[in-house]
Structures are given as C-alpha cells and as structure tokens.
Amino acid sequence: GSMDLATSVSVVEHIADDSWALQEMWRLVRPGGRLLVTVPVAAEGFEEYMDVDIYGTSPAGPDGWSFASRYYSESQLGRRLLSAVGEPSHMAVYGEREAGRFFAMRARKWVDPDYPYWREPYVMATDFGTFPSIADLPGIGIVGLEWIKRGAS
C-alpha cells in the first residue's frame, strides 16, 4: 500500500491467474493512488495457446500447448478482473474499425522483416477508433481501465 501509481500495459492478459495478478497490483497501491491497466478485448472473448512458452510462465499442458494470451469479452472482464478489485473509476475502449485488421497486422509482423513499424501511429489514427463498449467492437480492441483507491492520501 505504498505506491502512488501502478501500471500494466499489455501484461495481465498473458498471466493465467489474471485475477490474482490484478489483486496483487491493487494491494501495492496506497489510498489515493491509482492503478492503470490495459488489456485486449473482443465482443466474444477467447484465449490463445502456443506450442512454446514464450514468457516462461506457463508450462505446456499434456497436449503440448501453453497459455499465451486472453482477449476479454465484457462479461469475462467483469468476472475475471473487475470482480478482483471492483468497478474502475474510468474505462475507455479503443479498437479496429474493421474486423481482421489487428490480426492481419500481427501476422505481417511475424513474417515480414521489413514491416513498417514507423507507420503504426498513422494506422492507429485511421484504422482504429473509440467505441462506447466492448460489445460494440467489430473485432479486436483494447480497454483502458483506471482505479483510484479510496481512503486518506
């Protein structure tokens, strides 16, 4: 309970026990402090598994696959994260305007050594935008969450 600010940008979704991770981050925040978290979201949530444990945190199961990432639906976000620390003070949803754009970009990054990373700010401004809710996303998005811990500063 001594930190003024704890942040997690694109991390929680890679932790199998995400509720516990968020509770631990929240525990570190002092009264009056803030917790800022971003996680990927989709109208219909899903999980991804890989045949390699790229983060060294999720040993392969009997089928040889390791947990890699979670894309939260609105109900999963509530059940897994909001239930762990409560309703956020603020929430914003940002996502692809046309379904498939995110995965097309990701696939190209994996195979194209000349992928134009320098162009991503422009792509984010033109091909992505804000949405009123996770349920309104046509494809993949990101939710930004802010919690402010009540109590004396």
Protein backbone atom coordinates (compact mmCIF):
# COMPACT_ATOMS: atom_id res chain seq x y z
CA GLY A 1 0.00 0.00 0.00
CA SER A 2 2.79 2.49 -0.70
CA MET A 3 2.73 3.15 -4.44
CA ASP A 4 1.15 6.28 -5.91
CA LEU A 5 0.73 4.60 -9.28
CA ALA A 6 0.89 1.06 -10.63
CA THR A 7 0.60 0.43 -14.38
CA SER A 8 0.22 -2.64 -16.52
CA VAL A 9 0.18 -2.18 -20.27
CA SER A 10 -0.46 -5.37 -22.24
CA VAL A 11 0.69 -7.73 -19.47
CA VAL A 12 -2.28 -9.03 -17.45
CA GLU A 13 -3.72 -10.90 -20.43
CA HIS A 14 -0.59 -13.10 -20.51
CA ILE A 15 -0.94 -14.20 -16.87
CA ALA A 16 -3.04 -17.34 -16.46
CA ASP A 17 -4.16 -16.27 -12.95
CA ASP A 18 -5.02 -12.74 -14.01
CA SER A 19 -7.39 -12.08 -11.07
CA TRP A 20 -4.60 -12.78 -8.60
CA ALA A 21 -2.15 -10.58 -10.53
CA LEU A 22 -4.57 -7.65 -10.51
CA GLN A 23 -5.28 -8.10 -6.78
CA GLU A 24 -1.54 -8.03 -6.09
CA MET A 25 -1.08 -4.83 -8.10
CA TRP A 26 -4.04 -3.25 -6.30
CA ARG A 27 -2.57 -4.27 -2.93
CA LEU A 28 0.55 -2.22 -3.74
CA VAL A 29 -1.43 0.98 -4.39
CA ARG A 30 -1.73 3.39 -1.45
CA PRO A 31 -5.03 5.08 -0.54
CA GLY A 32 -5.50 7.91 -3.03
CA GLY A 33 -3.23 6.12 -5.53
CA ARG A 34 -4.12 4.79 -8.97
CA LEU A 35 -3.93 1.55 -10.90
CA LEU A 36 -3.89 1.81 -14.72
CA VAL A 37 -4.34 -1.34 -16.80
CA THR A 38 -4.84 -2.10 -20.49
CA VAL A 39 -5.94 -5.49 -21.81
CA PRO A 40 -7.11 -6.71 -25.22
CA VAL A 41 -10.85 -7.16 -25.66
CA ALA A 42 -13.36 -8.50 -28.18
CA ALA A 43 -17.15 -8.74 -28.31
CA GLU A 44 -16.64 -12.51 -27.98
CA GLY A 45 -13.68 -13.24 -25.74
CA PHE A 46 -11.19 -16.05 -26.37
CA GLU A 47 -7.81 -17.40 -25.31
CA GLU A 48 -4.73 -18.17 -27.39
CA TYR A 49 -2.32 -21.02 -26.80
CA MET A 50 1.12 -21.59 -28.32
CA ASP A 51 3.37 -24.60 -28.71
CA VAL A 52 6.13 -22.67 -26.91
CA ASP A 53 6.08 -20.88 -23.54
CA ILE A 54 7.43 -17.54 -24.79
CA TYR A 55 7.09 -15.84 -21.37
CA GLY A 56 8.44 -18.71 -19.29
CA THR A 57 5.38 -18.63 -17.04
CA SER A 58 3.01 -21.22 -18.43
CA PRO A 59 4.37 -24.74 -18.77
CA ALA A 60 2.91 -26.78 -21.59
CA GLY A 61 -0.06 -28.95 -20.75
CA PRO A 62 -0.36 -32.63 -21.68
CA ASP A 63 -1.32 -31.57 -25.21
CA GLY A 64 1.95 -29.61 -25.60
CA TRP A 65 0.28 -26.17 -25.64
CA SER A 66 0.96 -23.26 -23.25
CA PHE A 67 -1.38 -20.43 -22.32
CA ALA A 68 -0.29 -17.31 -24.21
CA SER A 69 -2.97 -14.62 -24.12
CA ARG A 70 -6.55 -13.75 -23.26
CA TYR A 71 -8.91 -11.41 -25.15
CA TYR A 72 -11.66 -10.40 -22.72
CA SER A 73 -15.35 -10.07 -23.53
CA GLU A 74 -17.34 -7.64 -21.40
CA SER A 75 -18.56 -10.45 -19.15
CA GLN A 76 -15.08 -12.01 -18.83
CA LEU A 77 -13.64 -8.62 -17.92
CA GLY A 78 -16.19 -8.31 -15.14
CA ARG A 79 -15.84 -11.87 -13.94
CA ARG A 80 -12.03 -12.07 -14.04
CA LEU A 81 -10.77 -8.54 -13.38
CA LEU A 82 -13.47 -6.22 -12.06
CA SER A 83 -14.55 -8.82 -9.52
CA ALA A 84 -10.95 -8.83 -8.24
CA VAL A 85 -10.70 -5.10 -7.47
CA GLY A 86 -14.10 -3.53 -8.11
CA GLU A 87 -15.52 -1.18 -10.71
CA PRO A 88 -12.97 1.13 -12.31
CA SER A 89 -13.15 4.89 -11.91
CA HIS A 90 -12.71 5.29 -15.67
CA MET A 91 -12.81 2.99 -18.68
CA ALA A 92 -12.17 3.60 -22.39
CA VAL A 93 -12.50 1.20 -25.35
CA TYR A 94 -10.37 1.56 -28.49
CA GLY A 95 -10.35 -0.91 -31.35
CA GLU A 96 -10.18 -1.78 -35.01
CA ARG A 97 -12.90 -0.22 -37.17
CA GLU A 98 -12.94 -3.29 -39.44
CA ALA A 99 -12.67 -6.81 -38.09
CA GLY A 100 -9.45 -8.59 -39.03
CA ARG A 101 -7.14 -5.56 -39.20
CA PHE A 102 -5.35 -6.35 -35.92
CA PHE A 103 -4.60 -9.98 -36.81
CA ALA A 104 -3.51 -9.03 -40.35
CA MET A 105 -1.01 -6.56 -38.89
CA ARG A 106 0.20 -9.08 -36.31
CA ALA A 107 0.65 -11.83 -38.91
CA ARG A 108 2.68 -9.49 -41.11
CA LYS A 109 4.92 -8.51 -38.17
CA TRP A 110 5.71 -12.18 -37.56
CA VAL A 111 6.88 -12.88 -41.12
CA ASP A 112 7.96 -9.56 -42.67
CA PRO A 113 11.43 -8.37 -41.57
CA ASP A 114 10.66 -5.06 -43.32
CA TYR A 115 7.35 -4.46 -41.52
CA PRO A 116 6.86 -0.66 -41.36
CA TYR A 117 6.62 -0.14 -37.59
CA TRP A 118 7.15 3.57 -38.23
CA ARG A 119 3.69 3.66 -39.89
CA GLU A 120 1.74 2.29 -36.90
CA PRO A 121 0.77 5.70 -35.39
CA TYR A 122 -0.89 6.61 -38.68
CA VAL A 123 -2.64 3.22 -38.89
CA MET A 124 -3.88 3.61 -35.30
CA ALA A 125 -5.35 7.00 -36.21
CA THR A 126 -7.03 5.86 -39.43
CA ASP A 127 -7.96 2.19 -38.97
CA PHE A 128 -8.76 2.21 -35.24
CA GLY A 129 -11.05 4.33 -33.08
CA THR A 130 -13.03 4.63 -29.86
CA PHE A 131 -16.16 2.61 -29.09
CA PRO A 132 -18.88 3.04 -26.46
CA SER A 133 -18.45 -0.51 -25.16
CA ILE A 134 -16.62 -3.78 -25.71
CA ALA A 135 -19.82 -5.29 -27.13
CA ASP A 136 -19.76 -2.66 -29.91
CA LEU A 137 -16.35 -3.72 -31.24
CA PRO A 138 -16.40 -5.26 -34.72
CA GLY A 139 -13.17 -7.12 -33.91
CA ILE A 140 -10.24 -6.71 -31.56
CA GLY A 141 -9.75 -3.77 -29.22
CA ILE A 142 -8.06 -2.57 -26.08
CA VAL A 143 -9.73 -1.40 -22.90
CA GLY A 144 -8.01 1.09 -20.65
CA LEU A 145 -9.04 0.88 -17.00
CA GLU A 146 -8.26 3.26 -14.14
CA TRP A 147 -8.92 2.56 -10.50
CA ILE A 148 -8.43 5.14 -7.75
CA LYS A 149 -8.07 3.64 -4.29
CA ARG A 150 -10.37 5.31 -1.81
CA GLY A 151 -9.09 6.45 1.54
CA ALA A 152 -6.81 9.05 3.02
CA SER A 153 -3.98 10.32 0.81
